[in-house]
Amino acid sequence: MAKEPLTKEKGEELLQSMFAGAARAYRYFEADRKSFAESGGYDASFEEGYPEQYVRPERKVGRNEPCPCGSGKKFKKCCGSATIGPLCKSPQHID
């Protein structure tokens, strides 16, 4: 069963109820917002536990570039395939 298109009146009604809901949520969390702001807000000290950002040792291979295994195929059709394991028969992949 296909849904009927939204009429202009129904769209306006939905929009008004969304605005009213957002206003209620704003008022409901007012005390929390004020206490958060008074406590100093954002605390950067928790970031000290994060490791450094990973830096890739080599340039990332694009899907349409030749596969780095040397098969001559595009990366997406060879080692970058969504299937498990490489599809190419390159000596690098044969155990």
PDB file of N, CA and C in Angstrom:
ATOM      1  N   MET A   1       0.854  -1.174   0.000  1.00  0.00           N
ATOM      2  CA  MET A   1       0.000   0.000   0.000  1.00  0.00           C
ATOM      3  C   MET A   1       0.903   1.242   0.000  1.00  0.00           C
ATOM      4  N   ALA A   2       0.689   2.116  -0.961  1.00  0.00           N
ATOM      5  CA  ALA A   2       1.481   3.332  -1.090  1.00  0.00           C
ATOM      6  C   ALA A   2       0.970   4.391  -0.127  1.00  0.00           C
ATOM      7  N   LYS A   3       1.892   5.135   0.411  1.00  0.00           N
ATOM      8  CA  LYS A   3       1.505   6.220   1.312  1.00  0.00           C
ATOM      9  C   LYS A   3       1.068   7.415   0.483  1.00  0.00           C
ATOM     10  N   GLU A   4       0.038   8.098   0.971  1.00  0.00           N
ATOM     11  CA  GLU A   4      -0.423   9.282   0.265  1.00  0.00           C
ATOM     12  C   GLU A   4       0.519  10.451   0.563  1.00  0.00           C
ATOM     13  N   PRO A   5       0.694  11.353  -0.398  1.00  0.00           N
ATOM     14  CA  PRO A   5       1.596  12.485  -0.186  1.00  0.00           C
ATOM     15  C   PRO A   5       1.103  13.392   0.940  1.00  0.00           C
ATOM     16  N   LEU A   6       2.021  14.081   1.550  1.00  0.00           N
ATOM     17  CA  LEU A   6       1.724  14.971   2.659  1.00  0.00           C
ATOM     18  C   LEU A   6       1.095  16.255   2.114  1.00  0.00           C
ATOM     19  N   THR A   7      -0.016  16.623   2.683  1.00  0.00           N
ATOM     20  CA  THR A   7      -0.650  17.866   2.242  1.00  0.00           C
ATOM     21  C   THR A   7       0.070  19.042   2.886  1.00  0.00           C
ATOM     22  N   LYS A   8      -0.119  20.202   2.320  1.00  0.00           N
ATOM     23  CA  LYS A   8       0.525  21.402   2.852  1.00  0.00           C
ATOM     24  C   LYS A   8       0.070  21.665   4.286  1.00  0.00           C
ATOM     25  N   GLU A   9      -1.205  21.472   4.561  1.00  0.00           N
ATOM     26  CA  GLU A   9      -1.729  21.710   5.910  1.00  0.00           C
ATOM     27  C   GLU A   9      -1.127  20.717   6.911  1.00  0.00           C
ATOM     28  N   LYS A  10      -1.067  19.440   6.524  1.00  0.00           N
ATOM     29  CA  LYS A  10      -0.515  18.417   7.411  1.00  0.00           C
ATOM     30  C   LYS A  10       0.983  18.670   7.634  1.00  0.00           C
ATOM     31  N   GLY A  11       1.685  19.115   6.587  1.00  0.00           N
ATOM     32  CA  GLY A  11       3.103  19.442   6.723  1.00  0.00           C
ATOM     33  C   GLY A  11       3.324  20.585   7.693  1.00  0.00           C
ATOM     34  N   GLU A  12       2.493  21.600   7.610  1.00  0.00           N
ATOM     35  CA  GLU A  12       2.588  22.736   8.534  1.00  0.00           C
ATOM     36  C   GLU A  12       2.302  22.288   9.963  1.00  0.00           C
ATOM     37  N   GLU A  13       1.313  21.398  10.123  1.00  0.00           N
ATOM     38  CA  GLU A  13       0.953  20.901  11.446  1.00  0.00           C
ATOM     39  C   GLU A  13       2.123  20.095  12.050  1.00  0.00           C
ATOM     40  N   LEU A  14       2.728  19.248  11.251  1.00  0.00           N
ATOM     41  CA  LEU A  14       3.873  18.467  11.733  1.00  0.00           C
ATOM     42  C   LEU A  14       5.048  19.365  12.102  1.00  0.00           C
ATOM     43  N   LEU A  15       5.276  20.376  11.279  1.00  0.00           N
ATOM     44  CA  LEU A  15       6.375  21.306  11.548  1.00  0.00           C
ATOM     45  C   LEU A  15       6.151  22.059  12.853  1.00  0.00           C
ATOM     46  N   GLN A  16       4.924  22.490  13.093  1.00  0.00           N
ATOM     47  CA  GLN A  16       4.603  23.200  14.332  1.00  0.00           C
ATOM     48  C   GLN A  16       4.797  22.295  15.550  1.00  0.00           C
ATOM     49  N   SER A  17       4.404  21.014  15.429  1.00  0.00           N
ATOM     50  CA  SER A  17       4.572  20.109  16.567  1.00  0.00           C
ATOM     51  C   SER A  17       6.053  19.806  16.801  1.00  0.00           C
ATOM     52  N   MET A  18       6.853  19.768  15.748  1.00  0.00           N
ATOM     53  CA  MET A  18       8.298  19.570  15.936  1.00  0.00           C
ATOM     54  C   MET A  18       8.913  20.772  16.639  1.00  0.00           C
ATOM     55  N   PHE A  19       8.513  21.983  16.248  1.00  0.00           N
ATOM     56  CA  PHE A  19       9.024  23.189  16.913  1.00  0.00           C
ATOM     57  C   PHE A  19       8.632  23.205  18.384  1.00  0.00           C
ATOM     58  N   ALA A  20       7.396  22.811  18.663  1.00  0.00           N
ATOM     59  CA  ALA A  20       6.922  22.792  20.046  1.00  0.00           C
ATOM     60  C   ALA A  20       7.703  21.759  20.856  1.00  0.00           C
ATOM     61  N   GLY A  21       7.978  20.605  20.274  1.00  0.00           N
ATOM     62  CA  GLY A  21       8.753  19.572  20.965  1.00  0.00           C
ATOM     63  C   GLY A  21      10.176  20.028  21.241  1.00  0.00           C
ATOM     64  N   ALA A  22      10.787  20.713  20.283  1.00  0.00           N
ATOM     65  CA  ALA A  22      12.140  21.223  20.485  1.00  0.00           C
ATOM     66  C   ALA A  22      12.163  22.271  21.592  1.00  0.00           C
ATOM     67  N   ALA A  23      11.160  23.125  21.632  1.00  0.00           N
ATOM     68  CA  ALA A  23      11.085  24.144  22.681  1.00  0.00           C
ATOM     69  C   ALA A  23      10.907  23.496  24.050  1.00  0.00           C
ATOM     70  N   ARG A  24      10.064  22.447  24.134  1.00  0.00           N
ATOM     71  CA  ARG A  24       9.881  21.740  25.413  1.00  0.00           C
ATOM     72  C   ARG A  24      11.187  21.092  25.857  1.00  0.00           C
ATOM     73  N   ALA A  25      11.920  20.464  24.930  1.00  0.00           N
ATOM     74  CA  ALA A  25      13.191  19.833  25.286  1.00  0.00           C
ATOM     75  C   ALA A  25      14.196  20.889  25.760  1.00  0.00           C
ATOM     76  N   TYR A  26      14.196  22.046  25.113  1.00  0.00           N
ATOM     77  CA  TYR A  26      15.103  23.126  25.512  1.00  0.00           C
ATOM     78  C   TYR A  26      14.807  23.562  26.942  1.00  0.00           C
ATOM     79  N   ARG A  27      13.543  23.755  27.254  1.00  0.00           N
ATOM     80  CA  ARG A  27      13.165  24.161  28.614  1.00  0.00           C
ATOM     81  C   ARG A  27      13.439  23.053  29.630  1.00  0.00           C
ATOM     82  N   TYR A  28      13.207  21.800  29.252  1.00  0.00           N
ATOM     83  CA  TYR A  28      13.398  20.673  30.161  1.00  0.00           C
ATOM     84  C   TYR A  28      14.853  20.549  30.600  1.00  0.00           C
ATOM     85  N   PHE A  29      15.796  20.765  29.678  1.00  0.00           N
ATOM     86  CA  PHE A  29      17.216  20.598  29.981  1.00  0.00           C
ATOM     87  C   PHE A  29      17.911  21.907  30.374  1.00  0.00           C
ATOM     88  N   GLU A  30      17.137  22.958  30.636  1.00  0.00           N
ATOM     89  CA  GLU A  30      17.718  24.261  30.965  1.00  0.00           C
ATOM     90  C   GLU A  30      18.611  24.193  32.206  1.00  0.00           C
ATOM     91  N   ALA A  31      18.180  23.522  33.260  1.00  0.00           N
ATOM     92  CA  ALA A  31      18.977  23.432  34.491  1.00  0.00           C
ATOM     93  C   ALA A  31      20.276  22.670  34.237  1.00  0.00           C
ATOM     94  N   ASP A  32      20.209  21.612  33.449  1.00  0.00           N
ATOM     95  CA  ASP A  32      21.419  20.851  33.125  1.00  0.00           C
ATOM     96  C   ASP A  32      22.409  21.706  32.326  1.00  0.00           C
ATOM     97  N   ARG A  33      21.890  22.469  31.349  1.00  0.00           N
ATOM     98  CA  ARG A  33      22.767  23.336  30.547  1.00  0.00           C
ATOM     99  C   ARG A  33      23.453  24.374  31.423  1.00  0.00           C
ATOM    100  N   LYS A  34      22.685  24.973  32.351  1.00  0.00           N
ATOM    101  CA  LYS A  34      23.263  26.002  33.216  1.00  0.00           C
ATOM    102  C   LYS A  34      24.309  25.424  34.156  1.00  0.00           C
ATOM    103  N   SER A  35      24.048  24.258  34.740  1.00  0.00           N
ATOM    104  CA  SER A  35      25.035  23.666  35.655  1.00  0.00           C
ATOM    105  C   SER A  35      26.286  23.232  34.897  1.00  0.00           C
ATOM    106  N   PHE A  36      26.114  22.762  33.674  1.00  0.00           N
ATOM    107  CA  PHE A  36      27.265  22.381  32.850  1.00  0.00           C
ATOM    108  C   PHE A  36      28.125  23.602  32.535  1.00  0.00           C
ATOM    109  N   ALA A  37      27.483  24.713  32.193  1.00  0.00           N
ATOM    110  CA  ALA A  37      28.209  25.935  31.873  1.00  0.00           C
ATOM    111  C   ALA A  37      28.907  26.495  33.116  1.00  0.00           C
ATOM    112  N   GLU A  38      28.250  26.441  34.258  1.00  0.00           N
ATOM    113  CA  GLU A  38      28.836  26.971  35.489  1.00  0.00           C
ATOM    114  C   GLU A  38      30.006  26.113  35.987  1.00  0.00           C
ATOM    115  N   SER A  39      29.983  24.831  35.685  1.00  0.00           N
ATOM    116  CA  SER A  39      31.066  23.949  36.137  1.00  0.00           C
ATOM    117  C   SER A  39      32.296  24.061  35.253  1.00  0.00           C
ATOM    118  N   GLY A  40      32.256  24.899  34.260  1.00  0.00           N
ATOM    119  CA  GLY A  40      33.408  25.068  33.378  1.00  0.00           C
ATOM    120  C   GLY A  40      33.195  24.405  32.031  1.00  0.00           C
ATOM    121  N   GLY A  41      32.102  23.685  31.880  1.00  0.00           N
ATOM    122  CA  GLY A  41      31.761  23.087  30.590  1.00  0.00           C
ATOM    123  C   GLY A  41      32.718  22.003  30.174  1.00  0.00           C
ATOM    124  N   TYR A  42      33.181  22.114  28.980  1.00  0.00           N
ATOM    125  CA  TYR A  42      34.040  21.112  28.356  1.00  0.00           C
ATOM    126  C   TYR A  42      35.346  20.951  29.124  1.00  0.00           C
ATOM    127  N   ASP A  43      35.722  19.706  29.393  1.00  0.00           N
ATOM    128  CA  ASP A  43      36.958  19.407  30.105  1.00  0.00           C
ATOM    129  C   ASP A  43      37.890  18.645  29.166  1.00  0.00           C
ATOM    130  N   ALA A  44      38.987  19.252  28.773  1.00  0.00           N
ATOM    131  CA  ALA A  44      39.912  18.632  27.830  1.00  0.00           C
ATOM    132  C   ALA A  44      40.809  17.588  28.484  1.00  0.00           C
ATOM    133  N   SER A  45      40.752  17.445  29.793  1.00  0.00           N
ATOM    134  CA  SER A  45      41.659  16.512  30.460  1.00  0.00           C
ATOM    135  C   SER A  45      41.380  15.064  30.084  1.00  0.00           C
ATOM    136  N   PHE A  46      40.151  14.749  29.655  1.00  0.00           N
ATOM    137  CA  PHE A  46      39.862  13.357  29.311  1.00  0.00           C
ATOM    138  C   PHE A  46      40.572  12.936  28.033  1.00  0.00           C
ATOM    139  N   GLU A  47      41.004  13.883  27.204  1.00  0.00           N
ATOM    140  CA  GLU A  47      41.679  13.554  25.953  1.00  0.00           C
ATOM    141  C   GLU A  47      43.102  13.057  26.165  1.00  0.00           C
ATOM    142  N   GLU A  48      43.650  13.246  27.355  1.00  0.00           N
ATOM    143  CA  GLU A  48      45.016  12.804  27.600  1.00  0.00           C
ATOM    144  C   GLU A  48      45.157  11.297  27.461  1.00  0.00           C
ATOM    145  N   GLY A  49      44.094  10.548  27.656  1.00  0.00           N
ATOM    146  CA  GLY A  49      44.145   9.100  27.579  1.00  0.00           C
ATOM    147  C   GLY A  49      44.093   8.560  26.161  1.00  0.00           C
ATOM    148  N   TYR A  50      43.789   9.387  25.176  1.00  0.00           N
ATOM    149  CA  TYR A  50      43.689   8.922  23.809  1.00  0.00           C
ATOM    150  C   TYR A  50      45.081   8.759  23.191  1.00  0.00           C
ATOM    151  N   PRO A  51      45.290   7.715  22.389  1.00  0.00           N
ATOM    152  CA  PRO A  51      46.572   7.556  21.710  1.00  0.00           C
ATOM    153  C   PRO A  51      46.707   8.584  20.582  1.00  0.00           C
ATOM    154  N   GLU A  52      47.906   8.725  20.079  1.00  0.00           N
ATOM    155  CA  GLU A  52      48.114   9.652  18.968  1.00  0.00           C
ATOM    156  C   GLU A  52      47.362   9.160  17.745  1.00  0.00           C
ATOM    157  N   GLN A  53      47.078  10.081  16.843  1.00  0.00           N
ATOM    158  CA  GLN A  53      46.373   9.720  15.628  1.00  0.00           C
ATOM    159  C   GLN A  53      47.253   8.815  14.774  1.00  0.00           C
ATOM    160  N   TYR A  54      46.647   7.755  14.210  1.00  0.00           N
ATOM    161  CA  TYR A  54      47.382   6.801  13.389  1.00  0.00           C
ATOM    162  C   TYR A  54      47.814   7.464  12.089  1.00  0.00           C
ATOM    163  N   VAL A  55      49.067   7.265  11.713  1.00  0.00           N
ATOM    164  CA  VAL A  55      49.580   7.765  10.448  1.00  0.00           C
ATOM    165  C   VAL A  55      49.961   6.553   9.609  1.00  0.00           C
ATOM    166  N   ARG A  56      49.333   6.413   8.445  1.00  0.00           N
ATOM    167  CA  ARG A  56      49.585   5.290   7.557  1.00  0.00           C
ATOM    168  C   ARG A  56      51.017   5.358   7.026  1.00  0.00           C
ATOM    169  N   PRO A  57      51.789   4.244   7.110  1.00  0.00           N
ATOM    170  CA  PRO A  57      53.190   4.272   6.668  1.00  0.00           C
ATOM    171  C   PRO A  57      53.328   4.446   5.154  1.00  0.00           C
ATOM    172  N   GLU A  58      52.352   3.949   4.385  1.00  0.00           N
ATOM    173  CA  GLU A  58      52.389   4.092   2.938  1.00  0.00           C
ATOM    174  C   GLU A  58      51.116   4.780   2.473  1.00  0.00           C
ATOM    175  N   ARG A  59      51.149   5.255   1.260  1.00  0.00           N
ATOM    176  CA  ARG A  59      49.971   5.884   0.678  1.00  0.00           C
ATOM    177  C   ARG A  59      48.885   4.824   0.481  1.00  0.00           C
ATOM    178  N   LYS A  60      47.639   5.177   0.761  1.00  0.00           N
ATOM    179  CA  LYS A  60      46.526   4.255   0.605  1.00  0.00           C
ATOM    180  C   LYS A  60      46.288   3.991  -0.886  1.00  0.00           C
ATOM    181  N   VAL A  61      46.012   2.727  -1.220  1.00  0.00           N
ATOM    182  CA  VAL A  61      45.783   2.355  -2.614  1.00  0.00           C
ATOM    183  C   VAL A  61      44.336   2.644  -2.969  1.00  0.00           C
ATOM    184  N   GLY A  62      44.128   3.340  -4.078  1.00  0.00           N
ATOM    185  CA  GLY A  62      42.771   3.633  -4.541  1.00  0.00           C
ATOM    186  C   GLY A  62      42.144   2.413  -5.191  1.00  0.00           C
ATOM    187  N   ARG A  63      40.829   2.351  -5.193  1.00  0.00           N
ATOM    188  CA  ARG A  63      40.140   1.174  -5.748  1.00  0.00           C
ATOM    189  C   ARG A  63      40.442   0.960  -7.222  1.00  0.00           C
ATOM    190  N   ASN A  64      40.586   2.019  -8.000  1.00  0.00           N
ATOM    191  CA  ASN A  64      40.783   1.882  -9.441  1.00  0.00           C
ATOM    192  C   ASN A  64      42.248   1.895  -9.853  1.00  0.00           C
ATOM    193  N   GLU A  65      43.153   1.902  -8.910  1.00  0.00           N
ATOM    194  CA  GLU A  65      44.583   1.866  -9.233  1.00  0.00           C
ATOM    195  C   GLU A  65      45.029   0.420  -9.403  1.00  0.00           C
ATOM    196  N   PRO A  66      46.162   0.215 -10.080  1.00  0.00           N
ATOM    197  CA  PRO A  66      46.677  -1.151 -10.211  1.00  0.00           C
ATOM    198  C   PRO A  66      46.995  -1.741  -8.840  1.00  0.00           C
ATOM    199  N   CYS A  67      46.759  -3.042  -8.697  1.00  0.00           N
ATOM    200  CA  CYS A  67      46.977  -3.714  -7.423  1.00  0.00           C
ATOM    201  C   CYS A  67      48.471  -3.744  -7.105  1.00  0.00           C
ATOM    202  N   PRO A  68      48.857  -3.447  -5.862  1.00  0.00           N
ATOM    203  CA  PRO A  68      50.280  -3.428  -5.503  1.00  0.00           C
ATOM    204  C   PRO A  68      50.912  -4.822  -5.491  1.00  0.00           C
ATOM    205  N   CYS A  69      50.104  -5.895  -5.617  1.00  0.00           N
ATOM    206  CA  CYS A  69      50.689  -7.239  -5.617  1.00  0.00           C
ATOM    207  C   CYS A  69      51.360  -7.549  -6.939  1.00  0.00           C
ATOM    208  N   GLY A  70      51.097  -6.727  -7.969  1.00  0.00           N
ATOM    209  CA  GLY A  70      51.756  -6.925  -9.251  1.00  0.00           C
ATOM    210  C   GLY A  70      50.975  -7.780 -10.225  1.00  0.00           C
ATOM    211  N   SER A  71      49.726  -8.091  -9.952  1.00  0.00           N
ATOM    212  CA  SER A  71      48.939  -8.950 -10.835  1.00  0.00           C
ATOM    213  C   SER A  71      48.518  -8.243 -12.118  1.00  0.00           C
ATOM    214  N   GLY A  72      48.515  -6.912 -12.108  1.00  0.00           N
ATOM    215  CA  GLY A  72      48.074  -6.148 -13.269  1.00  0.00           C
ATOM    216  C   GLY A  72      46.598  -5.816 -13.230  1.00  0.00           C
ATOM    217  N   LYS A  73      45.865  -6.385 -12.286  1.00  0.00           N
ATOM    218  CA  LYS A  73      44.438  -6.101 -12.154  1.00  0.00           C
ATOM    219  C   LYS A  73      44.246  -4.831 -11.338  1.00  0.00           C
ATOM    220  N   LYS A  74      43.025  -4.288 -11.444  1.00  0.00           N
ATOM    221  CA  LYS A  74      42.682  -3.167 -10.558  1.00  0.00           C
ATOM    222  C   LYS A  74      42.611  -3.696  -9.140  1.00  0.00           C
ATOM    223  N   PHE A  75      42.929  -2.829  -8.170  1.00  0.00           N
ATOM    224  CA  PHE A  75      42.912  -3.216  -6.761  1.00  0.00           C
ATOM    225  C   PHE A  75      41.547  -3.755  -6.353  1.00  0.00           C
ATOM    226  N   LYS A  76      40.457  -3.125  -6.852  1.00  0.00           N
ATOM    227  CA  LYS A  76      39.114  -3.550  -6.446  1.00  0.00           C
ATOM    228  C   LYS A  76      38.757  -4.928  -6.979  1.00  0.00           C
ATOM    229  N   LYS A  77      39.409  -5.375  -8.039  1.00  0.00           N
ATOM    230  CA  LYS A  77      39.127  -6.698  -8.598  1.00  0.00           C
ATOM    231  C   LYS A  77      40.120  -7.744  -8.092  1.00  0.00           C
ATOM    232  N   CYS A  78      41.093  -7.326  -7.320  1.00  0.00           N
ATOM    233  CA  CYS A  78      42.137  -8.236  -6.863  1.00  0.00           C
ATOM    234  C   CYS A  78      42.149  -8.274  -5.333  1.00  0.00           C
ATOM    235  N   CYS A  79      43.134  -7.696  -4.718  1.00  0.00           N
ATOM    236  CA  CYS A  79      43.290  -7.748  -3.260  1.00  0.00           C
ATOM    237  C   CYS A  79      42.268  -6.894  -2.515  1.00  0.00           C
ATOM    238  N   GLY A  80      41.645  -5.936  -3.172  1.00  0.00           N
ATOM    239  CA  GLY A  80      40.681  -5.066  -2.514  1.00  0.00           C
ATOM    240  C   GLY A  80      39.262  -5.548  -2.655  1.00  0.00           C
ATOM    241  N   SER A  81      39.082  -6.772  -3.117  1.00  0.00           N
ATOM    242  CA  SER A  81      37.742  -7.321  -3.300  1.00  0.00           C
ATOM    243  C   SER A  81      37.050  -7.505  -1.956  1.00  0.00           C
ATOM    244  N   ALA A  82      35.734  -7.478  -1.972  1.00  0.00           N
ATOM    245  CA  ALA A  82      34.962  -7.643  -0.740  1.00  0.00           C
ATOM    246  C   ALA A  82      34.933  -9.098  -0.281  1.00  0.00           C
ATOM    247  N   THR A  83      35.347 -10.014  -1.139  1.00  0.00           N
ATOM    248  CA  THR A  83      35.368 -11.417  -0.728  1.00  0.00           C
ATOM    249  C   THR A  83      36.528 -11.657   0.221  1.00  0.00           C
ATOM    250  N   ILE A  84      36.465 -12.734   0.946  1.00  0.00           N
ATOM    251  CA  ILE A  84      37.521 -13.044   1.912  1.00  0.00           C
ATOM    252  C   ILE A  84      38.728 -13.576   1.173  1.00  0.00           C
ATOM    253  N   GLY A  85      39.869 -13.002   1.441  1.00  0.00           N
ATOM    254  CA  GLY A  85      41.115 -13.443   0.818  1.00  0.00           C
ATOM    255  C   GLY A  85      41.291 -12.834  -0.554  1.00  0.00           C
ATOM    256  N   PRO A  86      42.513 -12.806  -1.047  1.00  0.00           N
ATOM    257  CA  PRO A  86      42.791 -12.237  -2.363  1.00  0.00           C
ATOM    258  C   PRO A  86      42.293 -13.155  -3.471  1.00  0.00           C
ATOM    259  N   LEU A  87      41.856 -12.573  -4.570  1.00  0.00           N
ATOM    260  CA  LEU A  87      41.378 -13.346  -5.710  1.00  0.00           C
ATOM    261  C   LEU A  87      42.482 -13.628  -6.712  1.00  0.00           C
ATOM    262  N   CYS A  88      43.542 -12.850  -6.679  1.00  0.00           N
ATOM    263  CA  CYS A  88      44.576 -13.009  -7.681  1.00  0.00           C
ATOM    264  C   CYS A  88      45.445 -14.230  -7.387  1.00  0.00           C
ATOM    265  N   LYS A  89      46.089 -14.705  -8.439  1.00  0.00           N
ATOM    266  CA  LYS A  89      46.960 -15.889  -8.317  1.00  0.00           C
ATOM    267  C   LYS A  89      48.425 -15.461  -8.307  1.00  0.00           C
ATOM    268  N   SER A  90      48.685 -14.254  -7.836  1.00  0.00           N
ATOM    269  CA  SER A  90      50.030 -13.741  -7.774  1.00  0.00           C
ATOM    270  C   SER A  90      50.874 -14.613  -6.847  1.00  0.00           C
ATOM    271  N   PRO A  91      52.154 -14.857  -7.185  1.00  0.00           N
ATOM    272  CA  PRO A  91      53.016 -15.679  -6.316  1.00  0.00           C
ATOM    273  C   PRO A  91      53.069 -15.149  -4.887  1.00  0.00           C
ATOM    274  N   GLN A  92      52.829 -13.879  -4.722  1.00  0.00           N
ATOM    275  CA  GLN A  92      52.847 -13.266  -3.386  1.00  0.00           C
ATOM    276  C   GLN A  92      51.729 -13.841  -2.521  1.00  0.00           C
ATOM    277  N   HIS A  93      50.616 -14.287  -3.146  1.00  0.00           N
ATOM    278  CA  HIS A  93      49.472 -14.766  -2.393  1.00  0.00           C
ATOM    279  C   HIS A  93      49.382 -16.281  -2.331  1.00  0.00           C
ATOM    280  N   ILE A  94      50.197 -16.990  -3.057  1.00  0.00           N
ATOM    281  CA  ILE A  94      50.154 -18.455  -3.046  1.00  0.00           C
ATOM    282  C   ILE A  94      51.071 -18.945  -1.948  1.00  0.00           C
ATOM    283  N   ASP A  95      50.516 -19.739  -1.046  1.00  0.00           N
ATOM    284  CA  ASP A  95      51.303 -20.244   0.087  1.00  0.00           C
ATOM    285  C   ASP A  95      51.926 -21.571  -0.248  1.00  0.00           C
TER     286      ASP A  95
END
